[in-house]
Protein backbone atom coordinates (compact mmCIF):
# COMPACT_ATOMS: atom_id res chain seq x y z
CA MET A 1 8.39 10.63 5.09
CA GLU A 2 10.70 13.62 5.16
CA THR A 3 9.65 17.02 3.82
CA LEU A 4 12.22 18.63 1.54
CA LEU A 5 12.67 22.39 1.46
CA THR A 6 13.15 22.42 -2.31
CA THR A 7 11.78 20.66 -5.37
CA LEU A 8 15.21 19.91 -6.87
CA THR A 9 17.26 16.89 -5.80
CA ALA A 10 20.63 15.36 -6.62
CA SER A 11 22.41 12.25 -5.41
CA LEU A 12 25.91 12.09 -3.98
CA THR A 13 26.96 10.47 -7.25
CA GLU A 14 25.64 13.44 -9.23
CA LEU A 15 27.54 15.77 -6.90
CA ARG A 16 30.79 14.36 -8.30
CA GLU A 17 30.12 16.68 -11.22
CA PRO A 18 29.10 19.90 -9.44
CA ASN A 19 28.89 21.91 -12.67
CA LYS A 20 25.99 19.75 -13.83
CA VAL A 21 24.25 20.19 -10.47
CA ILE A 22 24.72 23.96 -10.69
CA ALA A 23 23.34 24.00 -14.25
CA LYS A 24 20.35 21.94 -13.13
CA ALA A 25 19.77 24.17 -10.10
CA GLY A 26 19.69 27.55 -11.79
CA ASN A 27 19.01 29.90 -8.86
CA GLN A 28 17.38 27.29 -6.62
CA PRO A 29 18.75 25.18 -3.75
CA VAL A 30 19.16 21.44 -4.38
CA ALA A 31 18.57 18.75 -1.75
CA ILE A 32 21.46 16.26 -1.68
CA LEU A 33 20.20 12.73 -1.15
CA ASN A 34 22.00 9.63 0.09
CA ARG A 35 19.91 6.48 -0.32
CA ASN A 36 16.79 8.65 -0.74
CA GLU A 37 17.42 10.52 2.52
CA ALA A 38 18.27 14.24 2.51
CA ILE A 39 21.71 14.81 4.01
CA GLY A 40 22.07 18.47 3.13
CA TYR A 41 21.37 21.26 0.69
CA PHE A 42 23.52 22.63 -2.10
CA VAL A 43 22.84 26.34 -2.59
CA PRO A 44 24.34 27.95 -5.69
CA LYS A 45 26.02 31.32 -5.26
CA SER A 46 23.49 32.87 -7.64
CA ALA A 47 20.68 31.98 -5.21
CA VAL A 48 22.43 33.71 -2.33
CA THR A 49 23.41 36.87 -4.18
CA GLU A 50 19.74 37.66 -4.81
CA ILE A 51 19.13 37.90 -1.05
CA MET A 52 19.41 41.43 0.17
CA ALA A 53 20.32 41.81 3.82
CA VAL A 54 18.92 44.90 5.50
CA GLU A 55 20.00 45.97 8.96
CA ALA A 56 17.14 46.47 11.38
CA SER A 57 17.11 49.36 13.80
CA ASN A 58 16.60 48.85 17.52
CA GLN A 59 13.10 50.29 17.16
CA GLN A 60 12.21 47.82 14.41
CA VAL A 61 13.46 44.89 16.50
CA THR A 62 11.55 46.11 19.53
CA GLU A 63 8.32 46.51 17.52
CA PHE A 64 8.75 43.05 16.01
CA LEU A 65 9.25 41.46 19.42
CA GLN A 66 6.31 43.32 20.93
CA ASN A 67 4.06 42.12 18.11
CA LYS A 68 5.27 38.50 18.11
CA LEU A 69 5.86 37.87 21.82
CA PRO A 70 2.17 37.60 22.77
CA LYS A 71 1.74 34.96 20.07
CA ILE A 72 4.42 32.71 21.62
CA GLU A 73 3.62 33.37 25.26
CA HIS A 74 2.27 29.82 25.69
CA VAL A 75 5.60 28.44 24.47
CA LEU A 76 7.54 30.60 26.94
CA ASP A 77 5.24 29.48 29.77
CA TYR A 78 5.87 25.85 28.83
CA LEU A 79 9.64 26.36 28.74
CA LYS A 80 9.76 27.98 32.21
CA ASP A 81 9.42 24.54 33.82
CA LYS A 82 12.10 22.88 31.69
């Protein structure tokens, strides 16, 4: 069984009337289903406008990588042979 990334769903048939899907969605993404299988996600503009992008400095990126890299070292070791 597939895990959906949202609790709201709509069928391709419902997508013929996008205004109803938008009204149903509010500010949340909607999984679009075809024969009960997710084929994509419909994300209303209102959901995206709430996301605030913040530019990271080189120092912030470096600190992030230094903190996270040891945690994925086993993955990098595995990928060396591939």
